[in-house]
Amino acid sequence: MSDDPREHPPTPWRDADAVTDELFVEPGRTGHRLTAFVCLRLLALVYLVAFASLVHQGPALLAPDGLLPADLHLARLVAAAGGDAAAVMRFPSIFWWSPPSDAALAAVGWIGVALSATALVGGSNAVTWALLWALHLSVLQIGQRWYWFGWESLLSEVGFLAIFLDAPLDPRPFPRSPPPRIVVWLLRWVAFRLMLGAGLIKLRGDPCWTDLSCLFYHFETQPNPHPLSPYFHFLPEPVLVAGVVFTHFVEVVAPFLLLFGRLGRRVAGLSFVALQGVLIASGNLAYLNWLSLVPSVACLDDDLLARVLPARLVTAARRARAHARPPGPARRAVLVGLLAVVSFLSIRPAGNLLSRHQRMNASFDRFHLVNTYGAFGSVSRTRPELVVLGSMADDPTDEAAYRPYTFPCKPTRLDRRPCLVTPYHLRLDWLMWFAAMAPPDRHPWLVHLVQKLLEGDPKVRSLLADDPFDGAAPRWIRIDRYVYRFAPPGSGQVWARTYDGPYLGPVGRDDPRLSAFLRAHGLVRPPAP
């Protein structure tokens, strides 16, 4: 396809204001319509998964009787901020006005599911994206440790830009109002920071990235391996070394290709998409890589996408282009204001990229609008795993009475194949991976989990794949620590493991140490007056 202006007769509005329009509308047969269409559908998928996880996991994790009650967290924020008004301003969330009960969490989750499903099938506009962004931000502010991940801030940042990428009110997949060029540039700025931040944190972090050996360990030790992870792990070492070199090219070199015209942007964008595809195929990294596809696709252009998308979409985009309406003065002013705000908020994240003490996955504003990113700055050489066991025996030392609890994506049994869950995020499973690397007093939610299991709590049991006691409350809980590794091909097992010692317990239902610990960490609700 060509951008020859002779193929696109000028419209009266473009003749009158051609120079200004270049800031808002991309030349070509479809403008940025195909790019925006793909980006917004990918974003809707991520939102759908994020809110579905809230519906399923929110009550057990954040409700008043959850593992980290959000209402107690809000009370701590008020105390830290020095009052209700200051806390609301510093941590904006609708849950200040509607406390995070089971019903409120479920309502937010289901509303988010409905809005994102509508957007996924092409029925969105700026209002849809604004509601999704506000709901997600509200959950992020109360999510505590369950939401302290870079992809949650990335979802807030990309979700905010989506408000301005789509038409203000027109709900059609290809509205007459064109996707603004400014917003596409801002998405490319996200891609630049996302990739370069990940690349620099690797070069400044673990030496295995510079000696090219990190992929010898990564596929085996990542939080939730994928069914294909063992095959990646046992690839020949030269192939794994080449994989590290490719990662460095994509994350350190390719971002700068965005500065070198259409060809540079295409090479960069396709490289970004290829890396995310490999990561999706080799691991369950929640919706990080699916979300990263949004700014990656924004680096491409409609002429390229038209070669791979269905003809009916290309035709619809061209038809919308033929009936395009220019952005009015009010929308132009809003877009210029957006550019100014993002430029100002980018100062600290850009400085972080240049700093020798680069922070990974940090936010610098209360709305998480412009953030800094990074992934796998360090790679574990071994895979410690926690195995939670319960017993109904009177004697806590009766080894034969202990039965393991099974989590949806944790190995536990040696014959259990890795799960396929991407892009869904199993938040408890993910934090169990972190917990294995530090003592239990660093993870109060884990001690609370033990108490909930001893109580036979049905909400917590809903997060498990298998309860060996069929809902009954055990008398004792203990946690052992093992080091897992992929079993060699042909061994008849998926995993091999080595016992690494006790981690916690055994503790019983009335153990005073349990209640004292939870009280000290603010996880016991104060008695009603």
Protein backbone atom coordinates (compact mmCIF):
# COMPACT_ATOMS: atom_id res chain seq x y z
CA MET A 1 0.00 0.00 0.00
CA SER A 2 1.11 3.52 -0.67
CA ASP A 3 0.80 6.82 1.13
CA ASP A 4 0.77 8.71 -2.20
CA PRO A 5 -1.60 11.67 -1.62
CA ARG A 6 -2.90 11.26 -5.17
CA GLU A 7 -4.65 8.07 -3.96
CA HIS A 8 -6.49 9.99 -1.25
CA PRO A 9 -8.29 13.09 -2.53
CA PRO A 10 -8.06 15.86 0.06
CA THR A 11 -11.15 16.70 2.04
CA PRO A 12 -12.12 20.32 2.64
CA TRP A 13 -11.22 20.21 6.33
CA ARG A 14 -7.75 18.84 5.56
CA ASP A 15 -7.08 21.53 2.95
CA ALA A 16 -7.93 24.16 5.52
CA ASP A 17 -5.72 22.87 8.30
CA ALA A 18 -3.31 20.32 6.87
CA VAL A 19 -0.36 21.14 9.10
CA THR A 20 -2.25 20.89 12.36
CA ASP A 21 -3.95 17.68 11.30
CA GLU A 22 -0.59 15.92 11.02
CA LEU A 23 -0.43 16.01 14.81
CA PHE A 24 -3.67 14.07 15.09
CA VAL A 25 -4.28 11.99 11.94
CA GLU A 26 -1.83 9.60 10.24
CA PRO A 27 -1.79 9.74 6.41
CA GLY A 28 -2.68 6.56 4.54
CA ARG A 29 -5.66 4.55 3.42
CA THR A 30 -6.82 3.71 6.94
CA GLY A 31 -4.95 6.12 9.21
CA HIS A 32 -4.28 4.30 12.49
CA ARG A 33 -7.62 2.54 12.52
CA LEU A 34 -6.31 -1.02 12.22
CA THR A 35 -3.57 -0.34 14.75
CA ALA A 36 -6.08 1.10 17.21
CA PHE A 37 -8.53 -1.75 16.56
CA VAL A 38 -5.95 -4.45 17.41
CA CYS A 39 -4.56 -2.55 20.40
CA LEU A 40 -7.98 -1.95 21.92
CA ARG A 41 -9.13 -5.56 21.42
CA LEU A 42 -5.94 -6.85 23.11
CA LEU A 43 -6.45 -4.40 25.96
CA ALA A 44 -10.08 -5.50 26.35
CA LEU A 45 -8.91 -9.12 26.65
CA VAL A 46 -6.49 -8.19 29.42
CA TYR A 47 -9.15 -6.20 31.27
CA LEU A 48 -11.53 -9.15 30.95
CA VAL A 49 -8.99 -11.50 32.53
CA ALA A 50 -8.07 -8.98 35.25
CA PHE A 51 -11.67 -8.46 36.35
CA ALA A 52 -12.50 -12.16 36.06
CA SER A 53 -9.64 -12.85 38.48
CA LEU A 54 -11.15 -10.30 40.87
CA VAL A 55 -14.51 -12.09 40.74
CA HIS A 56 -12.89 -15.45 41.45
CA GLN A 57 -10.11 -14.50 43.87
CA GLY A 58 -11.06 -11.10 45.31
CA PRO A 59 -13.25 -12.31 48.21
CA ALA A 60 -10.64 -14.77 49.49
CA LEU A 61 -7.78 -12.30 49.13
CA LEU A 62 -9.24 -8.85 49.93
CA ALA A 63 -12.66 -9.13 51.59
CA PRO A 64 -13.03 -8.36 55.33
CA ASP A 65 -12.36 -12.03 56.14
CA GLY A 66 -9.76 -12.46 53.37
CA LEU A 67 -6.05 -13.11 53.66
CA LEU A 68 -5.18 -9.39 53.48
CA PRO A 69 -8.41 -7.53 54.34
CA ALA A 70 -8.64 -4.38 52.24
CA ASP A 71 -10.73 -2.49 54.79
CA LEU A 72 -7.94 -2.82 57.37
CA HIS A 73 -5.50 -1.62 54.71
CA LEU A 74 -7.63 1.46 54.05
CA ALA A 75 -7.62 2.23 57.77
CA ARG A 76 -3.83 2.04 57.78
CA LEU A 77 -3.67 4.40 54.80
CA VAL A 78 -5.79 6.92 56.66
CA ALA A 79 -3.47 6.74 59.66
CA ALA A 80 -0.36 7.07 57.48
CA ALA A 81 -1.78 9.98 55.47
CA GLY A 82 -2.98 11.85 58.53
CA GLY A 83 -6.70 11.82 57.81
CA ASP A 84 -9.46 10.68 55.51
CA ALA A 85 -9.20 13.53 53.01
CA ALA A 86 -5.45 13.19 52.61
CA ALA A 87 -5.72 9.42 52.15
CA VAL A 88 -8.42 9.79 49.48
CA MET A 89 -6.24 12.25 47.57
CA ARG A 90 -3.10 10.09 47.79
CA PHE A 91 -4.80 6.77 47.03
CA PRO A 92 -7.85 7.45 44.83
CA SER A 93 -10.31 4.57 44.85
CA ILE A 94 -14.06 4.12 44.77
CA PHE A 95 -13.68 1.84 47.78
CA TRP A 96 -13.39 4.87 50.05
CA TRP A 97 -17.12 5.36 49.47
CA SER A 98 -18.09 1.70 49.04
CA PRO A 99 -16.09 -0.42 51.51
CA PRO A 100 -14.52 -3.53 49.94
CA SER A 101 -17.01 -6.13 51.11
CA ASP A 102 -17.58 -9.40 49.30
CA ALA A 103 -20.53 -7.83 47.48
CA ALA A 104 -18.63 -4.68 46.49
CA LEU A 105 -15.64 -6.63 45.18
CA ALA A 106 -17.93 -8.94 43.21
CA ALA A 107 -19.89 -5.99 41.81
CA VAL A 108 -16.74 -4.21 40.61
CA GLY A 109 -15.48 -7.46 39.13
CA TRP A 110 -18.68 -8.25 37.24
CA ILE A 111 -19.07 -4.67 35.98
CA GLY A 112 -15.50 -4.84 34.72
CA VAL A 113 -16.15 -8.19 33.05
CA ALA A 114 -19.26 -6.81 31.31
CA LEU A 115 -17.54 -3.63 30.11
CA SER A 116 -14.42 -5.42 28.89
CA ALA A 117 -16.46 -8.10 27.12
CA THR A 118 -18.39 -5.34 25.35
CA ALA A 119 -15.12 -3.70 24.33
CA LEU A 120 -13.70 -7.03 23.17
CA VAL A 121 -16.45 -7.46 20.60
CA GLY A 122 -15.98 -3.89 19.36
CA GLY A 123 -18.58 -1.92 21.30
CA SER A 124 -16.36 0.51 23.17
CA ASN A 125 -15.78 4.24 23.30
CA ALA A 126 -13.89 6.64 25.55
CA VAL A 127 -16.52 6.31 28.29
CA THR A 128 -16.07 2.52 28.36
CA TRP A 129 -12.31 2.81 28.75
CA ALA A 130 -12.60 5.54 31.38
CA LEU A 131 -14.85 3.31 33.50
CA LEU A 132 -12.54 0.32 33.11
CA TRP A 133 -9.51 2.42 34.03
CA ALA A 134 -11.20 3.89 37.12
CA LEU A 135 -12.40 0.48 38.33
CA HIS A 136 -8.99 -1.15 37.86
CA LEU A 137 -7.20 1.74 39.57
CA SER A 138 -9.61 1.44 42.51
CA VAL A 139 -8.73 -2.23 42.94
CA LEU A 140 -5.01 -1.56 42.46
CA GLN A 141 -5.05 0.94 45.33
CA ILE A 142 -6.42 -1.65 47.78
CA GLY A 143 -4.77 -4.74 46.28
CA GLN A 144 -1.71 -4.69 48.53
CA ARG A 145 0.78 -7.48 47.93
CA TRP A 146 -1.54 -9.29 45.52
CA TYR A 147 -1.32 -6.35 43.08
CA TRP A 148 2.28 -5.19 43.52
CA PHE A 149 3.34 -6.18 40.03
CA GLY A 150 4.56 -4.14 37.10
CA TRP A 151 1.77 -5.30 34.82
CA GLU A 152 -0.84 -3.75 37.09
CA SER A 153 0.77 -0.33 36.70
CA LEU A 154 1.22 -1.02 32.99
CA LEU A 155 -2.49 -1.78 32.72
CA SER A 156 -3.28 1.52 34.41
CA GLU A 157 -0.96 3.44 32.06
CA VAL A 158 -2.08 1.79 28.83
CA GLY A 159 -5.72 1.80 29.97
CA PHE A 160 -5.54 5.55 30.53
CA LEU A 161 -4.21 6.16 27.01
CA ALA A 162 -7.00 3.99 25.59
CA ILE A 163 -9.52 6.58 26.81
CA PHE A 164 -8.07 9.02 24.26
CA LEU A 165 -7.31 6.49 21.52
CA ASP A 166 -10.96 5.53 21.02
CA ALA A 167 -13.76 7.83 19.89
CA PRO A 168 -15.35 9.94 22.63
CA LEU A 169 -18.88 8.53 22.21
CA ASP A 170 -19.11 6.46 19.02
CA PRO A 171 -19.22 2.75 20.07
CA ARG A 172 -18.46 1.26 16.62
CA PRO A 173 -15.24 -0.72 16.05
CA PHE A 174 -14.23 1.80 13.37
CA PRO A 175 -15.74 5.14 14.41
CA ARG A 176 -15.75 8.11 12.10
CA SER A 177 -13.51 10.00 14.50
CA PRO A 178 -9.94 8.89 13.66
CA PRO A 179 -7.51 7.52 16.28
CA PRO A 180 -5.27 10.44 17.24
CA ARG A 181 -1.68 10.22 16.12
CA ILE A 182 -0.56 11.75 19.43
CA VAL A 183 -1.91 8.78 21.38
CA VAL A 184 -0.19 6.30 19.06
CA TRP A 185 3.08 8.12 19.71
CA LEU A 186 2.46 7.94 23.45
CA LEU A 187 1.87 4.18 23.21
CA ARG A 188 5.19 3.91 21.38
CA TRP A 189 6.78 5.84 24.24
CA VAL A 190 5.36 3.20 26.59
CA ALA A 191 6.89 0.47 24.41
CA PHE A 192 10.26 2.24 24.47
CA ARG A 193 10.33 2.49 28.28
CA LEU A 194 8.88 -0.99 28.77
CA MET A 195 11.49 -2.72 26.63
CA LEU A 196 14.48 -0.60 27.49
CA GLY A 197 13.68 -0.77 31.19
CA ALA A 198 13.59 -4.56 31.01
CA GLY A 199 16.84 -4.64 29.06
CA LEU A 200 18.78 -2.28 31.31
CA ILE A 201 17.67 -3.97 34.53
CA LYS A 202 19.07 -7.21 33.14
CA LEU A 203 22.42 -5.68 32.16
CA ARG A 204 22.69 -3.94 35.54
CA GLY A 205 21.45 -6.93 37.52
CA ASP A 206 22.20 -10.61 37.33
CA PRO A 207 25.59 -11.47 35.72
CA CYS A 208 24.00 -14.43 33.95
CA TRP A 209 22.53 -11.93 31.49
CA THR A 210 25.98 -10.73 30.50
CA ASP A 211 27.59 -14.19 30.43
CA LEU A 212 24.54 -15.33 28.38
CA SER A 213 23.58 -18.20 30.69
CA CYS A 214 20.29 -16.97 32.18
CA LEU A 215 18.09 -19.16 30.01
CA PHE A 216 19.85 -22.22 31.41
CA TYR A 217 17.72 -21.56 34.53
CA HIS A 218 14.81 -19.28 33.64
CA PHE A 219 12.32 -21.77 32.18
CA GLU A 220 12.69 -24.08 35.18
CA THR A 221 12.66 -21.44 37.92
CA GLN A 222 10.02 -18.95 36.66
CA PRO A 223 6.97 -18.52 38.94
CA ASN A 224 4.50 -20.73 37.03
CA PRO A 225 6.04 -22.89 34.31
CA HIS A 226 4.09 -23.64 31.14
CA PRO A 227 3.51 -27.13 29.64
CA LEU A 228 6.19 -26.27 27.06
CA SER A 229 8.68 -24.96 29.65
CA PRO A 230 10.49 -28.32 30.06
CA TYR A 231 11.06 -28.47 26.30
CA PHE A 232 12.53 -24.96 26.33
CA HIS A 233 14.65 -25.84 29.36
CA PHE A 234 16.25 -28.84 27.68
CA LEU A 235 17.07 -27.07 24.41
CA PRO A 236 20.78 -27.24 23.43
CA GLU A 237 22.88 -24.67 25.25
CA PRO A 238 23.84 -22.77 22.05
CA VAL A 239 20.14 -22.24 21.34
CA LEU A 240 19.58 -20.90 24.87
CA VAL A 241 22.58 -18.59 24.51
CA ALA A 242 21.14 -17.32 21.23
CA GLY A 243 17.88 -16.70 23.07
CA VAL A 244 19.65 -14.39 25.52
CA VAL A 245 21.32 -12.53 22.65
CA PHE A 246 17.93 -12.11 20.95
CA THR A 247 16.46 -10.81 24.22
CA HIS A 248 19.23 -8.22 24.50
CA PHE A 249 18.64 -7.10 20.91
CA VAL A 250 14.89 -6.72 21.44
CA GLU A 251 15.12 -4.95 24.79
CA VAL A 252 18.26 -2.82 24.39
CA VAL A 253 18.75 -2.16 20.67
CA ALA A 254 15.27 -2.37 19.14
CA PRO A 255 13.73 0.44 21.24
CA PHE A 256 16.04 2.94 19.56
CA LEU A 257 14.94 1.74 16.12
CA LEU A 258 11.64 3.50 16.85
CA LEU A 259 13.52 6.72 16.05
CA PHE A 260 14.40 5.63 12.52
CA GLY A 261 11.25 6.03 10.47
CA ARG A 262 8.71 3.49 9.34
CA LEU A 263 11.20 0.70 8.63
CA GLY A 264 12.82 1.11 12.05
CA ARG A 265 9.44 1.10 13.75
CA ARG A 266 8.41 -2.04 11.90
CA VAL A 267 11.59 -3.90 12.85
CA ALA A 268 11.21 -2.77 16.47
CA GLY A 269 7.50 -3.58 16.66
CA LEU A 270 7.86 -7.02 15.07
CA SER A 271 10.78 -7.78 17.40
CA PHE A 272 8.72 -6.77 20.43
CA VAL A 273 5.80 -8.92 19.27
CA ALA A 274 8.08 -11.90 18.60
CA LEU A 275 9.60 -11.73 22.09
CA GLN A 276 6.20 -11.54 23.74
CA GLY A 277 5.07 -14.52 21.67
CA VAL A 278 8.01 -16.63 22.88
CA LEU A 279 7.36 -15.63 26.47
CA ILE A 280 3.66 -16.51 26.16
CA ALA A 281 4.59 -19.91 24.69
CA SER A 282 7.14 -20.71 27.39
CA GLY A 283 5.63 -19.44 30.65
CA ASN A 284 2.52 -18.37 32.55
CA LEU A 285 3.56 -14.79 33.31
CA ALA A 286 0.00 -13.69 34.08
CA TYR A 287 -1.11 -11.08 31.54
CA LEU A 288 2.22 -9.25 31.40
CA ASN A 289 3.11 -10.37 27.90
CA TRP A 290 -0.43 -10.11 26.52
CA LEU A 291 -0.60 -6.55 27.80
CA SER A 292 2.89 -5.78 26.46
CA LEU A 293 1.56 -6.61 23.00
CA VAL A 294 -0.60 -3.46 23.10
CA PRO A 295 2.23 -0.88 22.92
CA SER A 296 4.23 -3.32 20.76
CA VAL A 297 1.49 -3.40 18.10
CA ALA A 298 1.25 0.40 18.30
CA CYS A 299 4.79 0.50 16.87
CA LEU A 300 3.49 -1.02 13.62
CA ASP A 301 1.37 0.69 10.98
CA ASP A 302 -1.88 0.00 9.17
CA ASP A 303 -0.24 -0.80 5.85
CA LEU A 304 1.62 -3.69 7.49
CA LEU A 305 -1.34 -4.89 9.54
CA ALA A 306 -3.57 -4.83 6.44
CA ARG A 307 -1.46 -7.66 5.01
CA VAL A 308 -2.31 -10.04 7.87
CA LEU A 309 -5.75 -9.00 9.11
CA PRO A 310 -9.00 -10.27 7.54
CA ALA A 311 -10.04 -8.40 4.40
CA ARG A 312 -13.38 -7.39 5.92
CA LEU A 313 -11.62 -5.47 8.70
CA VAL A 314 -9.38 -3.69 6.21
CA THR A 315 -12.40 -2.79 4.09
CA ALA A 316 -14.31 -1.50 7.12
CA ALA A 317 -11.33 0.63 8.17
CA ARG A 318 -11.04 2.13 4.68
CA ARG A 319 -14.75 2.85 4.60
CA ALA A 320 -14.49 4.66 7.95
CA ARG A 321 -11.53 6.61 6.64
CA ALA A 322 -13.57 7.75 3.65
CA HIS A 323 -16.21 9.21 5.99
CA ALA A 324 -13.80 10.55 8.60
CA ARG A 325 -14.61 13.53 10.75
CA PRO A 326 -11.71 15.63 12.01
CA PRO A 327 -11.21 16.07 15.74
CA GLY A 328 -12.87 19.26 16.91
CA PRO A 329 -11.12 22.04 18.79
CA ALA A 330 -12.09 20.66 22.20
CA ARG A 331 -10.67 17.21 21.47
CA ARG A 332 -7.51 18.71 20.01
CA ALA A 333 -7.03 20.76 23.16
CA VAL A 334 -7.53 17.67 25.33
CA LEU A 335 -4.96 15.72 23.31
CA VAL A 336 -2.39 18.49 23.55
CA GLY A 337 -3.05 18.60 27.29
CA LEU A 338 -2.57 14.82 27.47
CA LEU A 339 0.77 15.15 25.70
CA ALA A 340 1.86 17.86 28.13
CA VAL A 341 0.84 15.81 31.21
CA VAL A 342 2.55 12.64 30.01
CA SER A 343 5.68 14.59 29.07
CA PHE A 344 5.87 16.12 32.54
CA LEU A 345 5.21 12.82 34.31
CA SER A 346 7.86 11.11 32.17
CA ILE A 347 10.71 13.10 33.69
CA ARG A 348 11.24 10.83 36.69
CA PRO A 349 10.74 7.52 34.84
CA ALA A 350 13.19 8.67 32.16
CA GLY A 351 15.67 9.64 34.86
CA ASN A 352 15.22 6.22 36.41
CA LEU A 353 16.20 4.57 33.11
CA LEU A 354 19.45 6.54 33.12
CA SER A 355 20.21 5.92 36.79
CA ARG A 356 22.82 3.40 37.92
CA HIS A 357 20.39 2.57 40.72
CA GLN A 358 17.48 1.83 38.39
CA ARG A 359 14.25 0.87 40.14
CA MET A 360 12.23 -1.94 38.58
CA ASN A 361 8.43 -1.65 38.22
CA ALA A 362 7.99 1.61 40.11
CA SER A 363 5.22 4.21 39.95
CA PHE A 364 5.86 7.91 40.45
CA ASP A 365 2.32 9.31 40.54
CA ARG A 366 -0.83 8.39 42.42
CA PHE A 367 -2.71 7.41 39.25
CA HIS A 368 0.05 5.15 37.84
CA LEU A 369 -0.01 7.11 34.58
CA VAL A 370 3.69 6.98 33.66
CA ASN A 371 5.78 4.25 35.27
CA THR A 372 9.08 2.45 35.04
CA TYR A 373 9.27 -1.22 34.16
CA GLY A 374 11.61 -4.20 34.23
CA ALA A 375 11.46 -7.97 34.41
CA PHE A 376 13.79 -10.73 35.63
CA GLY A 377 16.60 -8.46 36.74
CA SER A 378 17.72 -11.52 38.68
CA VAL A 379 17.16 -15.17 37.79
CA SER A 380 17.02 -17.92 40.39
CA ARG A 381 19.40 -20.83 39.89
CA THR A 382 17.17 -23.25 41.81
CA ARG A 383 13.44 -23.61 42.34
CA PRO A 384 12.46 -23.70 46.02
CA GLU A 385 8.85 -24.73 46.54
CA LEU A 386 6.62 -24.80 49.59
CA VAL A 387 4.47 -27.88 50.17
CA VAL A 388 1.56 -27.25 52.55
CA LEU A 389 0.43 -30.34 54.45
CA GLY A 390 -2.42 -30.99 56.86
CA SER A 391 -3.11 -33.72 59.38
CA MET A 392 -6.15 -34.96 61.28
CA ALA A 393 -4.06 -36.98 63.75
CA ASP A 394 -3.90 -36.21 67.46
CA ASP A 395 -0.12 -36.38 67.34
CA PRO A 396 1.51 -33.64 65.19
CA THR A 397 4.60 -35.84 64.74
CA ASP A 398 2.66 -38.61 62.99
CA GLU A 399 4.26 -38.33 59.55
CA ALA A 400 1.95 -40.85 57.90
CA ALA A 401 -1.12 -38.70 58.66
CA TYR A 402 -0.04 -35.63 56.66
CA ARG A 403 -1.66 -34.96 53.29
CA PRO A 404 -0.57 -32.23 50.81
CA TYR A 405 -2.80 -29.40 49.66
CA THR A 406 -2.57 -28.88 45.90
CA PHE A 407 -2.50 -25.42 44.32
CA PRO A 408 -3.65 -24.89 40.73
CA CYS A 409 -0.19 -24.23 39.29
CA LYS A 410 2.30 -25.50 41.88
CA PRO A 411 4.18 -28.75 41.18
CA THR A 412 3.62 -30.66 44.48
CA ARG A 413 3.37 -34.15 42.90
CA LEU A 414 6.33 -35.28 40.83
CA ASP A 415 4.11 -36.49 37.99
CA ARG A 416 2.12 -33.25 37.71
CA ARG A 417 2.60 -31.44 34.41
CA PRO A 418 2.96 -27.65 34.46
CA CYS A 419 -0.33 -25.84 33.99
CA LEU A 420 -1.60 -23.75 31.09
CA VAL A 421 -3.21 -20.66 32.60
CA THR A 422 -1.87 -17.64 30.67
CA PRO A 423 -3.12 -14.89 30.54
CA TYR A 424 -4.97 -15.58 33.80
CA HIS A 425 -3.22 -14.56 37.02
CA LEU A 426 -3.31 -16.99 39.94
CA ARG A 427 -2.25 -14.51 42.58
CA LEU A 428 -1.89 -16.93 45.50
CA ASP A 429 0.17 -19.39 43.45
CA TRP A 430 2.42 -16.55 42.31
CA LEU A 431 3.09 -15.33 45.84
CA MET A 432 3.77 -18.87 47.04
CA TRP A 433 6.75 -18.77 44.66
CA PHE A 434 8.03 -15.61 46.35
CA ALA A 435 7.35 -16.95 49.84
CA ALA A 436 9.65 -19.92 49.29
CA MET A 437 12.61 -17.55 49.01
CA ALA A 438 12.25 -15.90 52.43
CA PRO A 439 11.25 -16.82 56.01
CA PRO A 440 7.52 -16.94 56.83
CA ASP A 441 7.67 -13.79 58.97
CA ARG A 442 8.33 -11.86 55.74
CA HIS A 443 4.96 -13.00 54.40
CA PRO A 444 2.19 -12.44 56.96
CA TRP A 445 -0.46 -13.45 54.41
CA LEU A 446 1.06 -16.95 54.39
CA VAL A 447 0.67 -17.32 58.15
CA HIS A 448 -2.90 -16.08 57.73
CA LEU A 449 -3.38 -18.76 55.06
CA VAL A 450 -2.32 -21.39 57.58
CA GLN A 451 -4.91 -20.09 60.07
CA LYS A 452 -7.63 -20.11 57.39
CA LEU A 453 -6.82 -23.70 56.47
CA LEU A 454 -6.95 -24.71 60.14
CA GLU A 455 -10.40 -23.12 60.28
CA GLY A 456 -11.54 -24.89 57.09
CA ASP A 457 -12.32 -21.54 55.47
CA PRO A 458 -14.32 -22.20 52.26
CA LYS A 459 -13.14 -19.03 50.49
CA VAL A 460 -9.50 -19.98 50.83
CA ARG A 461 -10.26 -23.54 49.78
CA SER A 462 -11.77 -22.13 46.57
CA LEU A 463 -8.26 -21.00 45.59
CA LEU A 464 -6.90 -24.56 45.81
CA ALA A 465 -6.91 -27.27 43.18
CA ASP A 466 -7.41 -30.06 45.72
CA ASP A 467 -8.35 -30.19 49.41
CA PRO A 468 -7.26 -33.55 50.86
CA PHE A 469 -9.84 -33.24 53.67
CA ASP A 470 -12.88 -32.40 51.52
CA GLY A 471 -13.66 -29.18 53.37
CA ALA A 472 -12.98 -30.44 56.89
CA ALA A 473 -10.64 -28.43 59.11
CA PRO A 474 -7.39 -30.28 59.88
CA ARG A 475 -5.90 -30.40 63.37
CA TRP A 476 -2.40 -29.49 62.22
CA ILE A 477 -0.75 -27.65 59.37
CA ARG A 478 2.91 -27.65 58.49
CA ILE A 479 4.87 -26.36 55.51
CA ASP A 480 7.95 -28.10 54.13
CA ARG A 481 10.45 -26.66 51.70
CA TYR A 482 11.76 -28.58 48.70
CA VAL A 483 13.97 -27.76 45.75
CA TYR A 484 12.28 -28.82 42.52
CA ARG A 485 13.83 -29.31 39.09
CA PHE A 486 12.60 -30.66 35.79
CA ALA A 487 13.17 -34.39 35.54
CA PRO A 488 15.33 -35.44 32.56
CA PRO A 489 13.43 -36.41 29.40
CA GLY A 490 12.52 -40.07 29.35
CA SER A 491 12.64 -40.45 33.13
CA GLY A 492 8.88 -41.02 33.40
CA GLN A 493 8.49 -38.06 35.78
CA VAL A 494 7.92 -34.36 35.21
CA TRP A 495 9.70 -33.18 38.35
CA ALA A 496 12.45 -34.30 40.67
CA ARG A 497 12.83 -32.79 44.12
CA THR A 498 15.11 -32.66 47.13
CA TYR A 499 13.92 -32.03 50.69
CA ASP A 500 15.31 -28.74 51.98
CA GLY A 501 13.94 -28.77 55.52
CA PRO A 502 10.93 -27.54 57.51
CA TYR A 503 9.59 -24.09 56.75
CA LEU A 504 6.75 -23.57 59.24
CA GLY A 505 5.00 -25.58 61.93
CA PRO A 506 3.44 -27.83 62.68
CA VAL A 507 0.89 -25.50 64.25
CA GLY A 508 -2.55 -26.32 65.62
CA ARG A 509 -5.85 -24.50 65.64
CA ASP A 510 -5.34 -22.96 69.07
CA ASP A 511 -1.63 -22.21 68.85
CA PRO A 512 -1.17 -18.84 70.63
CA ARG A 513 1.84 -18.01 68.46
CA LEU A 514 -0.40 -17.91 65.42
CA SER A 515 -2.85 -15.35 66.79
CA ALA A 516 -0.03 -13.28 68.31
CA PHE A 517 1.75 -13.06 64.96
CA LEU A 518 -1.38 -12.08 63.07
CA ARG A 519 -2.28 -9.49 65.68
CA ALA A 520 1.20 -7.98 65.47
CA HIS A 521 0.86 -7.62 61.70
CA GLY A 522 -2.59 -6.03 61.80
CA LEU A 523 -4.44 -9.02 60.37
CA VAL A 524 -6.72 -9.55 63.37
CA ARG A 525 -9.76 -7.31 63.38
CA PRO A 526 -10.04 -5.25 66.58
CA PRO A 527 -13.05 -6.15 68.73
CA ALA A 528 -16.18 -4.11 68.18
CA PRO A 529 -16.76 -1.45 70.85
